[in-house]
Amino acid sequence: MTIKHSSLAFLLIFLMGTTLFAQRAKSESTSSIYFSIPAYDLSTNTDQFRYAFAMGQTEFEKPETIEVEEVCVAASSKNVLKDAKKITVYQYRVPAEINDAYLIVENASGDILHAEEYTSYQRTGSLVNETVNRIFGADKCYWHPSVLEEAWKDDNYLWKNEQHQNLKDIFLNRAKQSAEAAMKAGYTSYSVNVYTGKGGKGHDYSALDQAQNQALAAYNNMRQNGKVTDQDINQLKQPMNTWLTHLETVNLNDKNAKINRKVAQGLYMNLATAYFQSRNFDEASKFLELYEDAYSNAISRGSNQGVKNLSNMIVNQRKGLAVNTNISNDYVALNSISMPSNFNVNIEDLGEGMASELGARYHFHSKDKEKEANIAASGSIYKSNINQGQYGPTLVMMTVYDGDLDEFPLEVTELDVKGMVFTGGYSFTSLPPDIGNMTNLEQIILMDSQVASIPKEIGKLTNLKRFNLNRTKISTLPESIKNLKNLKMLNIKNTNVSAAEAAKIKSWLPKGCKLKL
């Protein structure tokens, strides 16, 4: 039997069903402004701030000869216009590896107020240096390769310094602009995405479309007027009410629902941004957390750049208000604030030798900022450490990335994960009784840590399949481990467990559980 093309297309659509017609979010982008309050007391003398900058030395590789056409004139020419000729000349293409540059802004006490990293030609956040090509001999008439070679021998040292300085000037200019934007109280531009619903057979998203247009108009109006007023915020409340009403029918588990997971995430982001613009940072954080929790795959948490940016802005504004308690969130009051006219940014270039030290300070500071942003976005600094593991969502903690812990963090016991991995030699010596609340755990890895005791509440983890205590300090385990009926592997190699204790532990284990000694 043959199937006509139209019939085949219909069959495919039918078989794919809700995939083609699944509800999803779509967005329109714009830019707006918000009133930024920097994280220092605005009544302080800003002349005492220190703006330190350093960029590593640019590294130049072996030059490569290239041929180009140039208009040249002989050095002995008496008539430049008459004697000018277009000839083939020789130049060097020189790959240059640009090292990272850093900016640190400190107050008089040495506290870091702002830190930023600049890489290659763009500020990307990447730690990978980028190679670009620089041209030696541009606008010169080196008419023979040997002439070029001699010129390179004589001039390459000064030329390299000049090229390095040119590149550094680019970063210095960006650092000055960045410092001025970060340290001045006033309006700052930012990007805004406003979402509505799309798709879904039989679902009407016209109300969300209208709300999207209303919000875009409000954000655009703020940008065009160069300030935000209470009237603008009231205009923004109209679409906010629409989004809140639609979220009353959210169903994250039904992809065919009108407000399914994808549409809901768009509305959560809408509300997070709108509440941020309204300077209600608690509600903004709440909806960012709902956005993060709506991911069906835990590994996707923390992957949205818009969430990261908004989280950082929330953190910064909370800090600004914390040290400027006399400043109101009311826009009438905010619009009356003006920076002193003598506010000035003088950046001190510390030189190439200080780039590593300044870089270390930047990364230390940025790690703290990242944790703060994670709290703003997800309510926890640990949710961003959840990845997809062997048994499902798994918390992965490594000292090299996350730092050491003297005590096991109680907040971890509130996470809904199936795996928990701590590696790299953590200093905490025991697990809290609250570990018994993590009843969905199927895997625990504590290898190389200083753990010396396990609470009896471990027996509540009846779904646990793998328990790795290799190279820890334990000498015994509670008898409650006999309740771990699903345990498949217990690793107590390289511990202080004696042979007699190991025999007792083995007698408690379920049939088929492998004990590694």
Protein backbone atom coordinates (compact mmCIF):
# COMPACT_ATOMS: atom_id res chain seq x y z
CA MET A 1 0.00 0.00 0.00
CA THR A 2 1.26 3.49 -0.84
CA ILE A 3 0.54 6.64 1.12
CA LYS A 4 0.11 9.98 -0.60
CA HIS A 5 2.49 12.72 0.49
CA SER A 6 -0.31 14.78 2.06
CA SER A 7 -1.58 11.75 3.94
CA LEU A 8 1.97 10.91 5.09
CA ALA A 9 2.44 14.45 6.37
CA PHE A 10 -0.82 14.22 8.27
CA LEU A 11 0.18 10.85 9.73
CA LEU A 12 3.52 12.23 10.92
CA ILE A 13 1.82 15.21 12.53
CA PHE A 14 -0.68 12.88 14.17
CA LEU A 15 2.05 10.57 15.49
CA MET A 16 4.10 13.49 16.81
CA GLY A 17 0.92 14.81 18.39
CA THR A 18 1.52 17.35 21.08
CA THR A 19 5.20 17.79 20.15
CA LEU A 20 4.38 20.01 17.18
CA PHE A 21 1.53 21.79 18.91
CA ALA A 22 3.09 21.86 22.37
CA GLN A 23 2.70 25.12 24.23
CA ARG A 24 5.87 27.13 24.58
CA ALA A 25 7.00 30.62 25.48
CA LYS A 26 8.06 33.22 22.95
CA SER A 27 9.64 36.54 23.74
CA GLU A 28 10.21 40.04 22.46
CA SER A 29 13.38 41.86 23.45
CA THR A 30 13.86 45.49 24.37
CA SER A 31 16.04 47.59 26.63
CA SER A 32 15.10 49.66 29.61
CA ILE A 33 16.70 51.40 32.57
CA TYR A 34 16.75 50.86 36.31
CA PHE A 35 18.02 53.04 39.14
CA SER A 36 21.30 51.57 40.36
CA ILE A 37 22.54 52.19 43.89
CA PRO A 38 26.21 51.14 44.27
CA ALA A 39 27.29 49.00 47.22
CA TYR A 40 28.92 51.73 49.29
CA ASP A 41 27.77 54.58 51.49
CA LEU A 42 27.04 57.41 49.07
CA SER A 43 27.98 59.95 51.73
CA THR A 44 31.61 58.78 51.77
CA ASN A 45 34.46 60.57 50.06
CA THR A 46 34.83 58.77 46.73
CA ASP A 47 38.26 60.33 46.20
CA GLN A 48 39.60 57.68 48.58
CA PHE A 49 38.57 54.82 46.29
CA ARG A 50 41.35 52.94 44.55
CA TYR A 51 40.88 51.76 40.96
CA ALA A 52 43.56 49.14 40.29
CA PHE A 53 44.11 47.65 36.84
CA ALA A 54 46.55 45.10 35.48
CA MET A 55 46.89 43.19 32.23
CA GLY A 56 49.31 40.37 31.53
CA GLN A 57 52.02 40.83 28.91
CA THR A 58 50.92 40.18 25.32
CA GLU A 59 52.81 37.23 23.87
CA PHE A 60 53.89 37.36 20.22
CA GLU A 61 54.54 34.27 18.14
CA LYS A 62 56.85 33.74 15.16
CA PRO A 63 56.02 36.16 12.31
CA GLU A 64 54.78 34.96 8.93
CA THR A 65 55.70 36.80 5.71
CA ILE A 66 52.80 38.10 3.61
CA GLU A 67 52.68 40.02 0.33
CA VAL A 68 50.41 43.04 -0.22
CA GLU A 69 50.00 45.81 -2.79
CA GLU A 70 50.93 49.31 -1.63
CA VAL A 71 51.48 52.69 -3.27
CA CYS A 72 55.15 53.54 -2.62
CA VAL A 73 57.61 56.30 -3.43
CA ALA A 74 61.37 55.98 -3.59
CA ALA A 75 63.20 57.69 -0.71
CA SER A 76 65.18 59.85 -3.19
CA SER A 77 62.07 61.07 -5.03
CA LYS A 78 61.84 64.82 -5.79
CA ASN A 79 58.19 64.59 -6.91
CA VAL A 80 56.03 62.39 -4.70
CA LEU A 81 52.92 62.50 -6.88
CA LYS A 82 54.82 61.78 -10.08
CA ASP A 83 57.00 58.99 -8.71
CA ALA A 84 54.34 57.10 -6.69
CA LYS A 85 53.90 53.53 -7.90
CA LYS A 86 51.83 50.55 -6.83
CA ILE A 87 54.17 47.65 -6.09
CA THR A 88 54.28 44.39 -4.15
CA VAL A 89 55.69 44.89 -0.65
CA TYR A 90 56.36 42.54 2.24
CA GLN A 91 54.95 42.55 5.76
CA TYR A 92 54.86 40.24 8.78
CA ARG A 93 51.62 38.80 10.13
CA VAL A 94 52.37 38.29 13.84
CA PRO A 95 49.97 36.22 15.99
CA ALA A 96 49.51 37.87 19.39
CA GLU A 97 48.12 36.04 22.42
CA ILE A 98 46.28 38.55 24.57
CA ASN A 99 46.31 37.88 28.30
CA ASP A 100 43.48 38.63 30.68
CA ALA A 101 43.06 42.06 32.27
CA TYR A 102 41.46 42.84 35.63
CA LEU A 103 39.90 45.79 37.41
CA ILE A 104 39.53 45.97 41.19
CA VAL A 105 37.80 48.89 42.93
CA GLU A 106 38.47 49.18 46.67
CA ASN A 107 37.42 51.55 49.43
CA ALA A 108 39.82 53.08 51.92
CA SER A 109 39.58 49.96 54.11
CA GLY A 110 40.62 47.65 51.28
CA ASP A 111 37.16 46.11 50.79
CA ILE A 112 36.42 45.19 47.17
CA LEU A 113 33.49 47.24 45.89
CA HIS A 114 33.64 46.10 42.27
CA ALA A 115 35.73 43.62 40.27
CA GLU A 116 35.75 42.80 36.59
CA GLU A 117 37.66 40.61 34.14
CA TYR A 118 38.41 41.47 30.52
CA THR A 119 39.51 38.81 28.05
CA SER A 120 40.68 39.12 24.45
CA TYR A 121 38.81 41.87 22.58
CA GLN A 122 35.51 41.10 24.27
CA ARG A 123 34.55 40.82 27.92
CA THR A 124 33.40 37.19 27.79
CA GLY A 125 34.13 35.79 31.24
CA SER A 126 36.23 33.11 29.56
CA LEU A 127 39.60 32.19 31.02
CA VAL A 128 40.91 31.23 27.60
CA ASN A 129 43.27 33.70 25.99
CA GLU A 130 42.62 34.56 22.37
CA THR A 131 45.14 34.89 19.57
CA VAL A 132 44.77 37.79 17.13
CA ASN A 133 46.97 38.87 14.24
CA ARG A 134 48.94 42.11 14.26
CA ILE A 135 50.73 43.45 11.17
CA PHE A 136 54.35 44.59 11.25
CA GLY A 137 55.28 46.84 8.33
CA ALA A 138 51.80 48.19 7.63
CA ASP A 139 52.02 51.39 5.54
CA LYS A 140 55.70 50.67 5.01
CA CYS A 141 57.31 49.84 1.71
CA TYR A 142 59.57 46.93 2.48
CA TRP A 143 60.23 46.03 -1.14
CA HIS A 144 62.24 42.85 -0.43
CA PRO A 145 61.97 40.09 2.22
CA SER A 146 65.52 40.77 3.37
CA VAL A 147 64.66 44.44 3.98
CA LEU A 148 61.66 43.36 6.05
CA GLU A 149 63.81 40.92 8.02
CA GLU A 150 66.37 43.61 8.87
CA ALA A 151 63.66 46.03 9.93
CA TRP A 152 62.15 43.36 12.20
CA LYS A 153 65.50 42.73 13.87
CA ASP A 154 65.93 46.44 14.57
CA ASP A 155 62.39 47.40 15.51
CA ASN A 156 60.51 44.35 16.80
CA TYR A 157 61.11 45.06 20.50
CA LEU A 158 59.68 48.57 20.36
CA TRP A 159 56.93 47.46 17.98
CA LYS A 160 55.79 44.68 20.36
CA ASN A 161 55.65 47.11 23.27
CA GLU A 162 53.63 49.52 21.16
CA GLN A 163 51.17 46.80 20.12
CA HIS A 164 50.82 45.63 23.71
CA GLN A 165 50.14 49.19 24.85
CA ASN A 166 47.52 49.65 22.13
CA LEU A 167 45.72 46.50 23.25
CA LYS A 168 45.97 47.49 26.90
CA ASP A 169 44.53 50.93 26.13
CA ILE A 170 41.40 49.19 24.81
CA PHE A 171 40.92 47.41 28.13
CA LEU A 172 41.80 50.48 30.17
CA ASN A 173 39.08 52.44 28.40
CA ARG A 174 36.56 49.67 29.05
CA ALA A 175 37.64 49.48 32.67
CA LYS A 176 37.09 53.22 33.11
CA GLN A 177 33.61 53.02 31.57
CA SER A 178 32.78 49.98 33.68
CA ALA A 179 33.99 51.60 36.89
CA GLU A 180 32.02 54.76 36.24
CA ALA A 181 28.85 52.77 35.55
CA ALA A 182 29.32 50.57 38.62
CA MET A 183 30.23 53.29 41.10
CA LYS A 184 27.78 56.04 40.20
CA ALA A 185 24.27 56.13 41.57
CA GLY A 186 21.81 56.66 38.76
CA TYR A 187 20.10 55.05 35.82
CA THR A 188 21.69 52.05 34.11
CA SER A 189 20.58 50.37 30.88
CA TYR A 190 19.75 46.67 30.80
CA SER A 191 18.19 44.17 28.40
CA VAL A 192 14.65 42.91 28.94
CA ASN A 193 12.86 39.89 27.47
CA VAL A 194 9.08 39.81 27.83
CA TYR A 195 7.37 36.46 27.25
CA THR A 196 3.97 35.30 26.10
CA GLY A 197 2.53 31.90 25.17
CA LYS A 198 2.59 30.28 21.74
CA GLY A 199 1.24 27.12 20.16
CA GLY A 200 -1.16 24.72 21.75
CA LYS A 201 -4.21 23.66 19.84
CA GLY A 202 -7.32 25.35 21.20
CA HIS A 203 -5.48 27.62 23.66
CA ASP A 204 -6.00 31.37 23.53
CA TYR A 205 -2.98 33.47 24.50
CA SER A 206 -4.39 36.82 23.39
CA ALA A 207 -4.49 38.13 26.98
CA LEU A 208 -0.80 37.25 27.40
CA ASP A 209 -0.02 38.89 24.05
CA GLN A 210 -1.70 42.06 25.26
CA ALA A 211 0.21 41.89 28.56
CA GLN A 212 3.45 41.50 26.62
CA ASN A 213 2.71 44.64 24.58
CA GLN A 214 1.79 46.59 27.71
CA ALA A 215 5.03 45.62 29.44
CA LEU A 216 7.16 46.41 26.39
CA ALA A 217 5.51 49.83 26.15
CA ALA A 218 6.23 50.50 29.83
CA TYR A 219 9.90 49.48 29.57
CA ASN A 220 10.37 51.49 26.36
CA ASN A 221 8.75 54.54 27.92
CA MET A 222 11.21 54.40 30.82
CA ARG A 223 14.16 54.20 28.46
CA GLN A 224 12.95 57.05 26.25
CA ASN A 225 12.25 59.36 29.20
CA GLY A 226 15.56 58.56 30.86
CA LYS A 227 13.93 57.97 34.22
CA VAL A 228 11.32 55.82 35.96
CA THR A 229 8.23 57.24 37.64
CA ASP A 230 5.53 55.77 39.86
CA GLN A 231 3.21 56.11 36.85
CA ASP A 232 5.50 53.78 34.87
CA ILE A 233 5.40 51.23 37.68
CA ASN A 234 1.62 51.43 37.85
CA GLN A 235 1.49 50.82 34.09
CA LEU A 236 3.68 47.74 34.61
CA LYS A 237 1.29 46.39 37.26
CA GLN A 238 -1.39 45.77 34.63
CA PRO A 239 0.51 43.00 32.79
CA MET A 240 1.81 41.72 36.14
CA ASN A 241 -1.76 41.05 37.26
CA THR A 242 -2.41 39.20 33.99
CA TRP A 243 0.65 36.98 34.47
CA LEU A 244 -0.26 36.22 38.10
CA THR A 245 -3.82 35.29 37.10
CA HIS A 246 -2.63 32.91 34.37
CA LEU A 247 -0.15 31.24 36.74
CA GLU A 248 -3.07 30.20 38.96
CA THR A 249 -3.75 27.47 36.39
CA VAL A 250 -0.14 26.33 35.94
CA ASN A 251 0.49 22.60 35.51
CA LEU A 252 4.19 21.81 35.27
CA ASN A 253 3.56 18.10 34.73
CA ASP A 254 1.21 18.38 31.75
CA LYS A 255 2.87 19.59 28.54
CA ASN A 256 -0.58 20.01 27.00
CA ALA A 257 -1.76 22.41 29.69
CA LYS A 258 -2.27 26.02 28.61
CA ILE A 259 0.25 27.19 31.22
CA ASN A 260 2.67 24.29 31.03
CA ARG A 261 6.29 24.22 32.17
CA LYS A 262 7.70 26.27 29.28
CA VAL A 263 5.00 28.93 29.29
CA ALA A 264 5.21 29.17 33.08
CA GLN A 265 8.95 29.79 32.96
CA GLY A 266 8.39 32.73 30.65
CA LEU A 267 5.79 34.20 33.01
CA TYR A 268 8.07 33.62 36.02
CA MET A 269 10.82 35.57 34.27
CA ASN A 270 8.36 38.33 33.35
CA LEU A 271 7.37 38.73 36.99
CA ALA A 272 10.93 38.51 38.28
CA THR A 273 11.97 41.34 35.96
CA ALA A 274 8.89 43.45 36.71
CA TYR A 275 9.29 43.07 40.48
CA PHE A 276 12.97 43.98 40.12
CA GLN A 277 11.98 47.10 38.18
CA SER A 278 9.46 47.86 40.94
CA ARG A 279 12.36 47.44 43.42
CA ASN A 280 10.62 44.57 45.22
CA PHE A 281 13.69 42.37 45.35
CA ASP A 282 12.18 39.66 47.57
CA GLU A 283 9.41 38.96 45.07
CA ALA A 284 11.91 39.16 42.18
CA SER A 285 14.04 36.47 43.85
CA LYS A 286 10.95 34.37 44.55
CA PHE A 287 9.98 34.23 40.88
CA LEU A 288 13.56 33.57 39.78
CA GLU A 289 13.56 30.60 42.13
CA LEU A 290 10.28 29.38 40.64
CA TYR A 291 11.83 29.74 37.19
CA GLU A 292 14.84 27.63 38.22
CA ASP A 293 12.71 24.99 39.96
CA ALA A 294 10.53 24.63 36.86
CA TYR A 295 13.33 22.95 34.92
CA SER A 296 12.42 19.33 34.28
CA ASN A 297 16.13 18.49 34.15
CA ALA A 298 18.10 19.54 37.22
CA ILE A 299 21.29 19.93 35.21
CA SER A 300 19.69 22.88 33.37
CA ARG A 301 19.43 24.97 36.53
CA GLY A 302 21.62 28.02 36.42
CA SER A 303 22.08 27.81 32.64
CA ASN A 304 20.01 30.86 31.65
CA GLN A 305 22.17 33.96 31.22
CA GLY A 306 19.19 36.24 31.79
CA VAL A 307 18.64 34.66 35.21
CA LYS A 308 22.32 35.14 36.08
CA ASN A 309 22.28 38.79 35.05
CA LEU A 310 19.10 39.57 36.95
CA SER A 311 20.36 37.69 40.01
CA ASN A 312 23.53 39.79 40.06
CA MET A 313 21.54 43.01 39.73
CA ILE A 314 19.33 41.99 42.66
CA VAL A 315 22.39 41.22 44.80
CA ASN A 316 24.02 44.54 43.95
CA GLN A 317 20.89 46.58 44.67
CA ARG A 318 20.31 44.85 47.99
CA LYS A 319 23.87 45.68 49.00
CA GLY A 320 23.43 49.27 47.92
CA LEU A 321 20.29 49.68 50.01
CA ALA A 322 21.89 47.89 52.98
CA VAL A 323 24.60 50.56 53.28
CA ASN A 324 22.31 53.45 52.30
CA THR A 325 19.43 52.88 54.69
CA ASN A 326 18.20 56.45 54.27
CA ILE A 327 17.39 55.85 50.58
CA SER A 328 13.84 54.91 49.74
CA ASN A 329 12.73 52.53 47.00
CA ASP A 330 10.17 55.12 45.96
CA TYR A 331 11.01 56.51 42.54
CA VAL A 332 10.17 60.07 43.50
CA ALA A 333 12.88 59.86 46.16
CA LEU A 334 15.31 58.00 43.91
CA ASN A 335 14.99 60.56 41.13
CA SER A 336 16.05 63.30 43.56
CA ILE A 337 19.43 61.65 44.17
CA SER A 338 22.36 63.13 42.33
CA MET A 339 26.02 62.17 42.44
CA PRO A 340 28.60 64.79 43.45
CA SER A 341 29.92 66.63 40.41
CA ASN A 342 33.52 65.89 41.42
CA PHE A 343 33.05 62.12 41.15
CA ASN A 344 36.05 60.96 39.15
CA VAL A 345 37.63 57.66 38.16
CA ASN A 346 41.42 57.56 38.05
CA ILE A 347 42.58 54.08 37.15
CA GLU A 348 46.01 53.01 38.36
CA ASP A 349 47.85 50.65 36.01
CA LEU A 350 49.77 48.28 38.28
CA GLY A 351 51.76 46.77 35.42
CA GLU A 352 52.01 43.37 33.83
CA GLY A 353 53.67 41.76 36.86
CA MET A 354 50.58 42.32 39.02
CA ALA A 355 48.10 40.69 36.64
CA SER A 356 48.24 37.30 38.36
CA GLU A 357 47.73 38.75 41.83
CA LEU A 358 44.88 40.97 40.69
CA GLY A 359 43.39 38.00 38.82
CA ALA A 360 43.44 35.89 41.98
CA ARG A 361 41.64 38.62 43.89
CA TYR A 362 39.07 38.95 41.10
CA HIS A 363 38.29 35.23 41.04
CA PHE A 364 37.97 35.11 44.83
CA HIS A 365 35.53 38.02 44.74
CA SER A 366 33.60 36.72 41.72
CA LYS A 367 33.13 33.33 43.41
CA ASP A 368 31.41 35.05 46.33
CA LYS A 369 29.31 37.09 43.91
CA GLU A 370 28.29 33.93 42.10
CA LYS A 371 27.14 32.34 45.33
CA GLU A 372 25.14 35.44 46.22
CA ALA A 373 23.54 35.43 42.77
CA ASN A 374 22.66 31.75 43.14
CA ILE A 375 20.85 32.55 46.37
CA ALA A 376 18.93 35.33 44.63
CA ALA A 377 18.00 33.04 41.73
CA SER A 378 17.28 29.77 43.45
CA GLY A 379 17.13 30.39 47.18
CA SER A 380 20.23 28.25 47.67
CA ILE A 381 23.91 28.48 46.81
CA TYR A 382 23.86 24.72 46.27
CA LYS A 383 21.18 24.32 43.60
CA SER A 384 23.67 25.38 40.93
CA ASN A 385 25.80 22.37 41.97
CA ILE A 386 23.05 19.92 41.01
CA ASN A 387 23.94 17.92 37.91
CA GLN A 388 22.53 14.88 36.19
CA GLY A 389 24.26 11.85 37.69
CA GLN A 390 24.04 8.07 37.54
CA TYR A 391 20.86 7.96 39.59
CA GLY A 392 19.35 11.29 38.61
CA PRO A 393 19.77 14.82 40.03
CA THR A 394 23.05 14.76 41.96
CA LEU A 395 24.65 17.39 44.18
CA VAL A 396 28.35 17.58 43.28
CA MET A 397 30.66 19.49 45.65
CA MET A 398 34.41 19.81 45.01
CA THR A 399 36.81 21.71 47.25
CA VAL A 400 38.80 22.94 44.25
CA TYR A 401 35.73 24.82 42.96
CA ASP A 402 33.50 25.35 45.98
CA GLY A 403 35.98 25.70 48.83
CA ASP A 404 36.35 23.70 52.02
CA LEU A 405 33.67 23.24 54.68
CA ASP A 406 34.35 22.83 58.39
CA GLU A 407 30.78 21.67 58.95
CA PHE A 408 28.37 19.79 56.74
CA PRO A 409 25.89 22.42 55.41
CA LEU A 410 22.42 21.78 56.81
CA GLU A 411 20.89 23.48 53.78
CA VAL A 412 21.95 20.51 51.66
CA THR A 413 19.59 18.24 53.59
CA GLU A 414 16.64 20.24 52.22
CA LEU A 415 17.51 19.48 48.59
CA ASP A 416 15.52 16.93 46.63
CA VAL A 417 18.34 14.98 45.00
CA LYS A 418 19.15 11.33 44.38
CA GLY A 419 22.89 11.61 44.60
CA MET A 420 25.31 13.47 46.87
CA VAL A 421 29.02 13.69 46.06
CA PHE A 422 31.65 15.49 48.18
CA THR A 423 35.20 15.16 46.88
CA GLY A 424 38.52 16.87 47.32
CA GLY A 425 39.16 16.43 51.04
CA TYR A 426 36.40 18.24 52.93
CA SER A 427 37.16 19.04 56.58
CA PHE A 428 33.76 18.34 58.16
CA THR A 429 33.98 15.37 60.54
CA SER A 430 30.37 14.24 60.75
CA LEU A 431 27.01 14.19 59.01
CA PRO A 432 24.05 15.84 60.79
CA PRO A 433 21.01 13.81 61.91
CA ASP A 434 19.05 15.82 59.31
CA ILE A 435 20.63 13.59 56.65
CA GLY A 436 17.75 11.24 57.43
CA ASN A 437 15.40 13.70 55.71
CA MET A 438 16.98 12.98 52.30
CA THR A 439 14.95 9.83 51.78
CA ASN A 440 15.28 9.93 47.98
CA LEU A 441 19.05 9.50 48.12
CA GLU A 442 20.37 6.52 46.18
CA GLN A 443 24.06 7.47 46.24
CA ILE A 444 26.40 9.08 48.80
CA ILE A 445 30.09 9.67 48.11
CA LEU A 446 32.23 11.19 50.88
CA MET A 447 35.63 9.86 49.82
CA ASP A 448 38.79 11.65 51.01
CA SER A 449 36.85 13.68 53.59
CA GLN A 450 37.54 13.93 57.34
CA VAL A 451 34.21 12.28 58.22
CA ALA A 452 34.65 10.22 61.37
CA SER A 453 31.05 9.54 62.42
CA ILE A 454 27.77 8.68 60.73
CA PRO A 455 24.47 9.34 62.60
CA LYS A 456 21.96 6.58 63.24
CA GLU A 457 19.48 8.51 61.08
CA ILE A 458 21.33 7.15 58.04
CA GLY A 459 19.06 4.14 58.45
CA LYS A 460 16.12 6.19 57.17
CA LEU A 461 17.62 6.30 53.67
CA THR A 462 15.97 3.09 52.55
CA ASN A 463 16.49 3.91 48.86
CA LEU A 464 20.28 4.17 49.23
CA LYS A 465 22.16 1.91 46.80
CA ARG A 466 25.79 3.11 46.95
CA PHE A 467 27.64 4.45 50.00
CA ASN A 468 31.30 5.37 49.44
CA LEU A 469 33.39 6.18 52.53
CA ASN A 470 36.78 5.39 50.98
CA ARG A 471 39.69 7.23 52.62
CA THR A 472 37.61 8.76 55.42
CA LYS A 473 38.25 8.66 59.20
CA ILE A 474 35.36 6.44 60.23
CA SER A 475 36.00 3.53 62.61
CA THR A 476 32.44 2.29 63.00
CA LEU A 477 28.95 2.59 61.53
CA PRO A 478 25.58 2.67 63.35
CA GLU A 479 23.59 -0.55 63.49
CA SER A 480 20.74 1.26 61.74
CA ILE A 481 22.46 0.57 58.39
CA LYS A 482 20.74 -2.81 58.55
CA ASN A 483 17.63 -0.88 57.43
CA LEU A 484 19.26 -0.03 54.08
CA LYS A 485 17.49 -2.86 52.24
CA ASN A 486 18.42 -1.58 48.76
CA LEU A 487 22.14 -1.08 49.43
CA LYS A 488 24.24 -2.61 46.65
CA MET A 489 27.72 -1.34 47.59
CA LEU A 490 29.40 -0.08 50.76
CA ASN A 491 33.00 1.12 50.42
CA ILE A 492 35.01 1.38 53.68
CA LYS A 493 38.46 0.92 52.16
CA ASN A 494 41.33 2.91 53.68
CA THR A 495 39.38 3.80 56.84
CA ASN A 496 39.92 3.11 60.56
CA VAL A 497 37.41 0.25 60.59
CA SER A 498 38.97 -2.80 62.27
CA ALA A 499 38.59 -6.35 60.96
CA ALA A 500 36.20 -7.21 63.80
CA GLU A 501 34.09 -4.10 63.16
CA ALA A 502 34.05 -4.84 59.44
CA ALA A 503 32.72 -8.31 60.13
CA LYS A 504 29.94 -6.88 62.26
CA ILE A 505 29.07 -4.32 59.58
CA LYS A 506 28.98 -7.06 56.94
CA SER A 507 26.47 -9.03 59.01
CA TRP A 508 24.10 -6.04 58.94
CA LEU A 509 24.15 -5.59 55.17
CA PRO A 510 21.36 -6.91 52.92
CA LYS A 511 21.97 -9.98 50.83
CA GLY A 512 23.88 -9.20 47.64
CA CYS A 513 25.44 -5.97 48.95
CA LYS A 514 29.13 -5.76 48.06
CA LEU A 515 31.39 -4.63 50.90
CA LYS A 516 34.69 -3.09 49.78
CA LEU A 517 37.40 -3.39 52.44
